[in-house]
């Protein structure tokens, strides 16, 4: 109120000695004296704000936990998670939203066009059928294949902080538009932190161990009750365990990548044993292949990973980090290293598990859901729609984080882990990449 008073004085050229706040529901008026002490407090607050804007260091979390309960910035600075690092015995309050507030709009029809009508997006297919979606219900727009979007619709999306992304028919991520680049201070902190090879290696090792542990956990869970010796999965399990031990003792990034590669080979060797015996042979696969995929299973893997890449990239941009500066993957032009890094946490729980389950439920048609051209295999229109449905449904599933102790959807978990990564150099480290499959 004192700050508003100073603005009014400057605008009107008159002196104001009192401000009033009227609470109509309580039929109460609160009088706020505007004296010299109040004016000095406003000036001090302005000076402090300017000081913080010039600094790249994030202010510490307040010691008064009650101030965080209703703070709109709690999902950004994660105060309860930071206090958990300081005191592992406490039970943190969940101030991070458990579910996504908006949904992802996928447009898969060839030739479909997205336009704008007021505060809504209109999706019109080639036959003239139109759907209308309020912009307030949309978090991101993903255009597959040759769908188009108008300039007016892009303006509406960016004004409402809705990302727009393009993916090819074959499942390759092309690019996207972020609503905003985020505070530059965060990127400066990221650059300065990841220039330290020691920090980068520690994060990379934690990430690799988390991914390999997820692979091991999935194979163990899915093969429970089976004769593992007869199925041949024992060798894969032992190979992954050896890779975990090797990654834990790795002393360099190249050695770490080698152990990660060994774990991946054993994992994909054991993955076919999880499929039901009466599954169509056209869904069988022998090894991971891509660019382009040469069988139906690998086509599904690649397409799902493209959807995951887009979600991870969206989370990185929303948090305000630089996706081109990672710590495990080498820089390359085809994809952002940091997005590839964070993807390692979610490949197994978000897509591999969902894909195997959907195949075992016989949800896929080997003829209608795929297009074959020589040795190349792609998803058809119906296959893409089915894959998107399986993936988006999985994002809505809830999962209890083993460290924080609260449940949240997988869609929200991507953003949480991205913010926990930033904590590694901007707050209290130690919570990133601690998620494990049980």
Protein backbone atom coordinates (compact mmCIF):
# COMPACT_ATOMS: atom_id res chain seq x y z
CA UNK A 1 0.00 0.00 0.00
CA UNK A 2 2.86 2.37 0.77
CA UNK A 3 4.43 1.63 -2.61
CA UNK A 4 1.13 2.38 -4.37
CA UNK A 5 0.90 5.59 -2.37
CA UNK A 6 4.34 6.75 -3.55
CA UNK A 7 3.32 6.07 -7.14
CA UNK A 8 0.14 8.08 -6.73
CA UNK A 9 2.06 10.95 -5.16
CA UNK A 10 4.47 10.98 -8.08
CA UNK A 11 1.61 10.90 -10.58
CA UNK A 12 -0.65 13.48 -8.96
CA UNK A 13 1.96 15.74 -7.38
CA UNK A 14 0.10 15.72 -4.05
CA UNK A 15 1.04 14.45 -0.60
CA UNK A 16 -0.80 11.41 0.80
CA UNK A 17 -0.61 10.53 4.50
CA UNK A 18 -2.85 7.48 4.66
CA UNK A 19 -3.85 4.45 2.59
CA UNK A 20 -6.93 2.31 3.11
CA UNK A 21 -7.79 -1.29 2.27
CA UNK A 22 -11.44 -2.22 2.14
CA UNK A 23 -12.49 -5.86 2.82
CA UNK A 24 -16.09 -5.99 1.65
CA UNK A 25 -16.76 -9.55 2.83
CA UNK A 26 -15.88 -8.59 6.41
CA UNK A 27 -17.22 -5.05 6.15
CA UNK A 28 -13.86 -3.82 7.39
CA UNK A 29 -11.58 -0.97 6.38
CA UNK A 30 -7.90 -1.11 7.36
CA UNK A 31 -6.03 2.19 7.59
CA UNK A 32 -2.31 2.19 6.74
CA UNK A 33 -0.33 5.28 7.84
CA UNK A 34 2.12 6.51 5.23
CA UNK A 35 4.80 8.08 7.43
CA UNK A 36 8.55 8.47 7.03
CA UNK A 37 9.22 4.99 8.40
CA UNK A 38 6.92 3.45 5.81
CA UNK A 39 8.52 5.46 3.03
CA UNK A 40 11.99 4.32 4.12
CA UNK A 41 10.80 0.69 4.15
CA UNK A 42 9.64 1.01 0.54
CA UNK A 43 12.96 2.52 -0.54
CA UNK A 44 14.87 -0.26 1.24
CA UNK A 45 12.73 -2.89 -0.46
CA UNK A 46 13.39 -1.31 -3.87
CA UNK A 47 17.12 -1.23 -3.19
CA UNK A 48 17.06 -4.88 -2.12
CA UNK A 49 15.13 -5.87 -5.24
CA UNK A 50 17.70 -4.13 -7.46
CA UNK A 51 20.51 -5.85 -5.58
CA UNK A 52 18.93 -9.25 -6.15
CA UNK A 53 18.32 -8.54 -9.84
CA UNK A 54 22.03 -7.81 -10.32
CA UNK A 55 23.11 -10.98 -8.51
CA UNK A 56 23.18 -14.45 -10.07
CA UNK A 57 22.94 -16.12 -6.64
CA UNK A 58 19.56 -17.35 -5.49
CA UNK A 59 18.53 -16.07 -2.01
CA UNK A 60 18.42 -18.81 0.65
CA UNK A 61 15.16 -20.47 1.64
CA UNK A 62 13.56 -18.75 4.62
CA UNK A 63 13.89 -20.39 8.02
CA UNK A 64 10.20 -19.73 8.71
CA UNK A 65 8.52 -22.68 6.97
CA UNK A 66 5.05 -21.20 7.50
CA UNK A 67 5.81 -18.44 5.00
CA UNK A 68 6.18 -21.04 2.23
CA UNK A 69 2.79 -22.72 2.60
CA UNK A 70 0.85 -20.17 0.54
CA UNK A 71 3.75 -18.76 -1.50
CA UNK A 72 3.26 -18.91 -5.26
CA UNK A 73 6.99 -19.49 -5.76
CA UNK A 74 7.14 -22.65 -3.63
CA UNK A 75 6.96 -24.94 -6.70
CA UNK A 76 9.97 -23.06 -8.10
CA UNK A 77 12.36 -22.85 -5.15
CA UNK A 78 11.24 -26.18 -3.54
CA UNK A 79 11.75 -25.07 0.08
CA UNK A 80 10.44 -28.27 1.67
CA UNK A 81 12.71 -30.41 -0.48
CA UNK A 82 15.68 -28.26 0.51
CA UNK A 83 14.80 -28.62 4.19
CA UNK A 84 14.60 -32.38 3.65
CA UNK A 85 18.26 -32.38 2.60
CA UNK A 86 19.17 -30.50 5.77
CA UNK A 87 17.08 -32.79 7.98
CA UNK A 88 16.38 -36.22 6.56
CA UNK A 89 14.03 -37.14 9.42
CA UNK A 90 11.40 -34.52 8.64
CA UNK A 91 8.26 -35.23 6.66
CA UNK A 92 8.08 -32.57 3.96
CA UNK A 93 4.85 -30.85 3.05
CA UNK A 94 3.95 -31.25 -0.60
CA UNK A 95 3.95 -27.73 -1.99
CA UNK A 96 4.75 -28.98 -5.52
CA UNK A 97 1.54 -29.56 -7.54
CA UNK A 98 0.83 -33.30 -7.96
CA UNK A 99 -0.80 -33.02 -11.40
CA UNK A 100 -0.38 -31.00 -14.54
CA UNK A 101 -2.71 -28.02 -14.69
CA UNK A 102 -2.99 -28.15 -18.49
CA UNK A 103 -3.04 -30.91 -21.08
CA UNK A 104 -0.93 -31.55 -24.17
CA UNK A 105 -2.71 -31.10 -27.51
CA UNK A 106 -1.43 -33.51 -30.19
CA UNK A 107 -2.48 -32.85 -33.79
CA UNK A 108 -1.77 -35.93 -35.92
CA UNK A 109 -4.09 -35.58 -38.93
CA UNK A 110 -2.32 -34.83 -42.22
CA UNK A 111 -3.16 -31.37 -43.48
CA UNK A 112 -4.93 -30.33 -40.27
CA UNK A 113 -4.72 -26.64 -39.51
CA UNK A 114 -4.69 -24.89 -36.15
CA UNK A 115 -6.15 -21.40 -36.08
CA UNK A 116 -7.33 -18.88 -33.53
CA UNK A 117 -10.81 -17.75 -32.58
CA UNK A 118 -10.68 -15.35 -29.65
CA UNK A 119 -9.12 -17.15 -26.68
CA UNK A 120 -9.49 -20.59 -28.26
CA UNK A 121 -7.58 -22.76 -30.73
CA UNK A 122 -9.52 -24.26 -33.61
CA UNK A 123 -8.35 -27.52 -35.21
CA UNK A 124 -9.76 -28.11 -38.71
CA UNK A 125 -9.05 -31.29 -40.68
CA UNK A 126 -8.97 -31.63 -44.46
CA UNK A 127 -12.66 -32.54 -44.56
CA UNK A 128 -13.69 -29.36 -42.75
CA UNK A 129 -14.47 -30.90 -39.36
CA UNK A 130 -13.59 -28.43 -36.61
CA UNK A 131 -12.74 -28.80 -32.94
CA UNK A 132 -12.40 -25.92 -30.50
CA UNK A 133 -10.09 -25.95 -27.47
CA UNK A 134 -9.90 -23.15 -24.86
CA UNK A 135 -6.30 -21.96 -24.59
CA UNK A 136 -6.47 -22.04 -20.78
CA UNK A 137 -6.79 -25.84 -20.90
CA UNK A 138 -3.71 -26.37 -23.12
CA UNK A 139 -0.14 -26.68 -21.84
CA UNK A 140 1.65 -27.52 -25.09
CA UNK A 141 0.74 -28.00 -28.75
CA UNK A 142 2.48 -30.79 -30.67
CA UNK A 143 2.12 -30.93 -34.47
CA UNK A 144 2.87 -34.29 -36.09
CA UNK A 145 3.73 -34.66 -39.76
CA UNK A 146 2.27 -31.98 -42.00
CA UNK A 147 -0.16 -30.29 -39.64
CA UNK A 148 -0.02 -26.49 -39.80
CA UNK A 149 -0.55 -23.63 -37.38
CA UNK A 150 -1.33 -19.99 -38.14
CA UNK A 151 0.66 -16.99 -36.99
CA UNK A 152 -2.32 -15.79 -34.96
CA UNK A 153 -2.49 -19.13 -33.15
CA UNK A 154 1.25 -19.00 -32.41
CA UNK A 155 0.83 -15.50 -30.96
CA UNK A 156 -1.96 -16.74 -28.70
CA UNK A 157 0.13 -19.71 -27.54
CA UNK A 158 3.18 -17.63 -26.71
CA UNK A 159 1.11 -15.02 -24.89
CA UNK A 160 -0.32 -17.78 -22.68
CA UNK A 161 3.07 -19.52 -22.21
CA UNK A 162 1.99 -22.50 -24.30
CA UNK A 163 4.87 -24.21 -26.11
CA UNK A 164 4.52 -25.23 -29.76
CA UNK A 165 6.50 -28.26 -31.03
CA UNK A 166 6.92 -30.07 -34.35
CA UNK A 167 7.55 -33.85 -34.77
CA UNK A 168 7.95 -35.66 -38.10
CA UNK A 169 5.83 -38.61 -39.18
CA UNK A 170 8.75 -40.85 -38.35
CA UNK A 171 8.89 -39.59 -34.77
CA UNK A 172 11.89 -37.25 -35.06
CA UNK A 173 11.70 -34.08 -33.01
CA UNK A 174 12.18 -31.08 -35.32
CA UNK A 175 12.01 -28.08 -33.00
CA UNK A 176 9.78 -25.93 -30.90
CA UNK A 177 8.87 -22.47 -29.66
CA UNK A 178 9.27 -21.72 -25.97
CA UNK A 179 7.00 -19.19 -24.36
CA UNK A 180 9.97 -17.51 -22.66
CA UNK A 181 13.68 -18.09 -22.21
CA UNK A 182 13.52 -17.84 -18.42
CA UNK A 183 15.66 -15.69 -16.11
CA UNK A 184 19.19 -15.38 -17.46
CA UNK A 185 20.59 -15.70 -13.93
CA UNK A 186 19.63 -19.37 -13.91
CA UNK A 187 21.54 -20.05 -17.09
CA UNK A 188 24.59 -18.20 -15.82
CA UNK A 189 24.55 -20.34 -12.67
CA UNK A 190 24.21 -23.44 -14.86
CA UNK A 191 27.16 -22.45 -17.06
CA UNK A 192 29.41 -21.67 -14.12
CA UNK A 193 28.47 -24.87 -12.27
CA UNK A 194 28.81 -27.30 -15.19
CA UNK A 195 32.16 -25.86 -16.19
CA UNK A 196 33.42 -27.76 -13.15
CA UNK A 197 34.29 -31.23 -14.53
CA UNK A 198 34.07 -32.70 -11.04
CA UNK A 199 30.45 -31.64 -10.57
CA UNK A 200 29.54 -32.74 -14.08
CA UNK A 201 31.04 -36.19 -13.53
CA UNK A 202 29.30 -36.65 -10.17
CA UNK A 203 25.96 -35.77 -11.73
CA UNK A 204 26.62 -38.04 -14.71
CA UNK A 205 27.51 -40.99 -12.48
CA UNK A 206 24.40 -40.51 -10.37
CA UNK A 207 22.29 -40.30 -13.53
CA UNK A 208 23.78 -43.42 -15.10
CA UNK A 209 23.35 -45.45 -11.91
CA UNK A 210 19.72 -44.31 -11.70
CA UNK A 211 19.02 -45.37 -15.29
CA UNK A 212 20.74 -48.75 -14.96
CA UNK A 213 18.92 -49.36 -11.68
CA UNK A 214 15.61 -48.68 -13.43
CA UNK A 215 16.48 -51.14 -16.17
CA UNK A 216 17.37 -53.78 -13.60
CA UNK A 217 14.27 -53.07 -11.53
CA UNK A 218 11.96 -53.37 -14.55
CA UNK A 219 13.44 -56.68 -15.69
CA UNK A 220 13.21 -58.08 -12.16
CA UNK A 221 9.64 -56.90 -11.66
CA UNK A 222 8.37 -58.07 -15.07
CA UNK A 223 10.03 -61.48 -14.81
CA UNK A 224 8.78 -62.17 -11.29
CA UNK A 225 7.20 -65.60 -11.13
CA UNK A 226 8.91 -66.80 -14.32
CA UNK A 227 11.69 -69.33 -14.64
CA UNK A 228 14.49 -66.89 -15.35
CA UNK A 229 16.99 -69.61 -16.20
CA UNK A 230 14.76 -71.05 -18.94
CA UNK A 231 13.85 -67.64 -20.33
CA UNK A 232 17.50 -66.63 -20.59
CA UNK A 233 17.03 -63.43 -18.64
CA UNK A 234 19.53 -64.43 -15.94
CA UNK A 235 22.47 -63.45 -18.12
CA UNK A 236 20.97 -60.03 -18.80
CA UNK A 237 20.34 -59.43 -15.09
CA UNK A 238 23.89 -60.39 -14.14
CA UNK A 239 25.30 -58.19 -16.89
CA UNK A 240 23.31 -55.20 -15.66
CA UNK A 241 24.42 -55.80 -12.07
CA UNK A 242 28.03 -55.87 -13.24
CA UNK A 243 27.47 -52.59 -15.11
CA UNK A 244 26.07 -50.95 -11.96
CA UNK A 245 29.16 -51.97 -10.00
CA UNK A 246 31.38 -50.70 -12.78
CA UNK A 247 29.54 -47.36 -13.01
CA UNK A 248 29.77 -46.90 -9.24
CA UNK A 249 33.55 -47.24 -9.40
CA UNK A 250 34.12 -45.39 -12.68
CA UNK A 251 36.75 -42.67 -12.48
CA UNK A 252 36.17 -40.96 -15.82
CA UNK A 253 33.30 -39.95 -18.08
CA UNK A 254 34.37 -42.25 -20.94
CA UNK A 255 34.51 -45.25 -18.60
CA UNK A 256 31.08 -44.29 -17.26
CA UNK A 257 29.63 -44.16 -20.76
CA UNK A 258 31.12 -47.57 -21.45
CA UNK A 259 29.37 -49.13 -18.47
CA UNK A 260 26.13 -47.43 -19.49
CA UNK A 261 26.46 -48.94 -22.97
CA UNK A 262 27.09 -52.41 -21.53
CA UNK A 263 23.99 -52.12 -19.35
CA UNK A 264 21.93 -51.05 -22.37
CA UNK A 265 23.02 -54.04 -24.42
CA UNK A 266 22.11 -56.46 -21.64
CA UNK A 267 18.83 -54.66 -21.03
CA UNK A 268 17.67 -54.87 -24.65
CA UNK A 269 18.79 -58.50 -24.74
CA UNK A 270 16.49 -59.26 -21.79
CA UNK A 271 13.57 -57.10 -22.89
CA UNK A 272 12.16 -59.59 -25.47
CA UNK A 273 11.73 -62.21 -22.73
CA UNK A 274 9.10 -59.99 -21.10
CA UNK A 275 6.74 -60.26 -24.08
CA UNK A 276 4.00 -62.86 -24.05
CA UNK A 277 4.73 -66.08 -25.93
CA UNK A 278 1.71 -65.87 -28.24
CA UNK A 279 2.54 -62.33 -29.38
CA UNK A 280 2.68 -61.82 -33.14
CA UNK A 281 6.23 -62.53 -34.35
CA UNK A 282 6.29 -59.19 -36.14
CA UNK A 283 6.57 -57.49 -32.73
CA UNK A 284 9.68 -59.48 -31.81
CA UNK A 285 13.08 -57.81 -31.96
CA UNK A 286 16.70 -58.85 -31.48
CA UNK A 287 18.47 -55.58 -30.70
CA UNK A 288 18.01 -51.84 -30.58
CA UNK A 289 18.14 -50.17 -33.99
CA UNK A 290 17.09 -46.69 -35.14
CA UNK A 291 17.55 -43.97 -37.77
CA UNK A 292 15.50 -45.56 -39.19
CA UNK A 293 13.96 -48.34 -37.08
CA UNK A 294 13.90 -51.70 -38.83
CA UNK A 295 11.14 -53.49 -36.92
CA UNK A 296 7.87 -52.64 -35.22
CA UNK A 297 9.19 -52.78 -31.67
CA UNK A 298 12.01 -50.35 -32.41
CA UNK A 299 9.62 -48.07 -34.29
CA UNK A 300 7.49 -47.90 -31.15
CA UNK A 301 10.52 -47.30 -28.93
CA UNK A 302 11.77 -44.45 -31.11
CA UNK A 303 8.41 -42.74 -31.36
CA UNK A 304 7.83 -42.92 -27.61
CA UNK A 305 11.31 -41.56 -26.92
CA UNK A 306 10.56 -38.63 -29.25
CA UNK A 307 7.46 -37.80 -27.20
CA UNK A 308 9.52 -38.06 -24.01
CA UNK A 309 12.27 -35.86 -25.45
CA UNK A 310 9.73 -33.15 -26.18
CA UNK A 311 8.33 -33.28 -22.64
CA UNK A 312 11.79 -33.14 -21.08
CA UNK A 313 12.81 -30.24 -23.31
CA UNK A 314 9.61 -28.39 -22.40
CA UNK A 315 10.39 -28.87 -18.69
CA UNK A 316 13.95 -27.59 -19.13
CA UNK A 317 12.72 -24.46 -20.88
CA UNK A 318 9.98 -23.94 -18.29
CA UNK A 319 12.52 -24.12 -15.46
CA UNK A 320 14.76 -21.67 -17.33
CA UNK A 321 17.83 -23.83 -17.97
CA UNK A 322 19.89 -24.07 -21.15
CA UNK A 323 19.14 -27.40 -22.89
CA UNK A 324 22.32 -27.26 -24.99
CA UNK A 325 24.61 -27.48 -21.94
CA UNK A 326 24.55 -30.93 -20.32
CA UNK A 327 26.95 -33.15 -18.43
CA UNK A 328 26.66 -36.74 -19.74
CA UNK A 329 25.90 -36.64 -23.46
CA UNK A 330 28.31 -35.04 -25.89
CA UNK A 331 27.15 -31.89 -27.71
CA UNK A 332 25.70 -32.60 -31.13
CA UNK A 333 23.49 -30.81 -33.59
CA UNK A 334 20.63 -33.33 -33.65
CA UNK A 335 19.50 -33.02 -30.02
CA UNK A 336 20.13 -30.99 -26.87
CA UNK A 337 22.54 -32.75 -24.47
CA UNK A 338 20.75 -31.73 -21.27
CA UNK A 339 17.44 -33.04 -22.62
CA UNK A 340 19.13 -36.34 -23.49
CA UNK A 341 20.64 -36.41 -20.00
CA UNK A 342 17.34 -35.99 -18.17
CA UNK A 343 15.60 -38.44 -20.49
CA UNK A 344 17.68 -41.24 -18.97
CA UNK A 345 15.61 -41.04 -15.78
CA UNK A 346 12.30 -41.56 -17.58
CA UNK A 347 12.87 -43.90 -20.53
CA UNK A 348 12.04 -47.03 -18.53
CA UNK A 349 9.16 -45.86 -16.28
CA UNK A 350 7.42 -43.61 -18.80
CA UNK A 351 7.70 -45.55 -22.04
CA UNK A 352 9.43 -48.96 -21.84
CA UNK A 353 7.09 -50.25 -19.15
CA UNK A 354 4.01 -48.83 -20.88
CA UNK A 355 5.04 -50.22 -24.26
CA UNK A 356 5.65 -53.77 -23.01
CA UNK A 357 2.36 -53.71 -21.10
CA UNK A 358 0.42 -52.50 -24.14
CA UNK A 359 1.97 -55.19 -26.35
CA UNK A 360 1.12 -57.89 -23.82
CA UNK A 361 -2.46 -56.58 -23.76
CA UNK A 362 -2.59 -56.99 -27.57
CA UNK A 363 -3.38 -53.29 -28.13
CA UNK A 364 -1.45 -53.01 -31.41
CA UNK A 365 -2.38 -54.13 -34.91
CA UNK A 366 0.78 -55.18 -36.81
CA UNK A 367 -0.81 -54.26 -40.16
CA UNK A 368 -2.90 -51.14 -39.54
CA UNK A 369 -0.61 -49.40 -37.01
CA UNK A 370 2.60 -49.57 -39.05
CA UNK A 371 3.96 -48.60 -42.46
CA UNK A 372 6.83 -50.57 -43.97
CA UNK A 373 9.14 -49.34 -46.74
CA UNK A 374 11.86 -51.87 -47.45
CA UNK A 375 13.74 -52.38 -44.19
CA UNK A 376 12.29 -49.22 -42.68
CA UNK A 377 9.28 -49.37 -40.36
CA UNK A 378 7.24 -46.37 -39.22
CA UNK A 379 4.03 -45.86 -37.31
CA UNK A 380 0.93 -45.17 -39.38
CA UNK A 381 -1.65 -42.51 -38.48
CA UNK A 382 -3.54 -44.96 -36.28
CA UNK A 383 -0.29 -46.17 -34.73
CA UNK A 384 0.78 -42.65 -33.80
CA UNK A 385 -2.60 -41.92 -32.25
CA UNK A 386 -2.44 -45.14 -30.24
CA UNK A 387 1.13 -44.44 -29.08
CA UNK A 388 0.19 -40.92 -27.99
CA UNK A 389 -2.79 -42.30 -26.07
CA UNK A 390 -0.63 -44.87 -24.24
CA UNK A 391 2.06 -42.30 -23.46
CA UNK A 392 -0.25 -39.52 -22.28
CA UNK A 393 -2.20 -41.98 -20.13
CA UNK A 394 1.04 -43.07 -18.49
CA UNK A 395 1.96 -39.45 -17.72
CA UNK A 396 -1.20 -39.16 -15.65
CA UNK A 397 -0.29 -42.15 -13.45
CA UNK A 398 0.83 -41.23 -9.95
CA UNK A 399 4.06 -42.41 -8.36
CA UNK A 400 5.39 -41.95 -4.85
CA UNK A 401 8.82 -40.35 -4.88
CA UNK A 402 11.12 -42.47 -2.68
CA UNK A 403 12.99 -39.46 -1.28
CA UNK A 404 10.39 -36.74 -0.87
CA UNK A 405 7.73 -39.24 0.20
CA UNK A 406 4.83 -37.64 -1.68
CA UNK A 407 2.98 -38.80 -4.79
CA UNK A 408 2.74 -36.94 -8.05
CA UNK A 409 2.03 -37.72 -11.69
CA UNK A 410 4.83 -38.71 -14.03
CA UNK A 411 4.09 -35.59 -16.06
CA UNK A 412 4.84 -33.47 -13.00
CA UNK A 413 7.79 -35.65 -12.03
CA UNK A 414 9.72 -34.52 -15.12
CA UNK A 415 9.54 -30.90 -13.99
CA UNK A 416 10.34 -31.81 -10.37
CA UNK A 417 13.53 -33.67 -11.33
CA UNK A 418 14.56 -30.75 -13.55
CA UNK A 419 14.17 -28.35 -10.63
CA UNK A 420 16.01 -30.77 -8.33
CA UNK A 421 18.86 -30.75 -10.85
CA UNK A 422 19.06 -26.97 -10.60
CA UNK A 423 19.25 -27.39 -6.82
CA UNK A 424 22.57 -29.18 -7.31
CA UNK A 425 24.22 -25.83 -7.94
CA UNK A 426 21.66 -23.33 -6.69
CA UNK A 427 20.65 -24.64 -3.28
CA UNK A 428 20.92 -27.85 -1.33
CA UNK A 429 22.21 -30.72 -3.54
CA UNK A 430 21.55 -34.40 -3.09
CA UNK A 431 17.97 -35.13 -4.23
CA UNK A 432 18.47 -35.25 -8.01
CA UNK A 433 18.38 -38.68 -9.70
CA UNK A 434 17.46 -40.53 -6.52
CA UNK A 435 14.24 -41.99 -7.95
CA UNK A 436 14.24 -45.80 -8.19
CA UNK A 437 11.73 -48.40 -9.35
CA UNK A 438 10.52 -50.57 -6.51
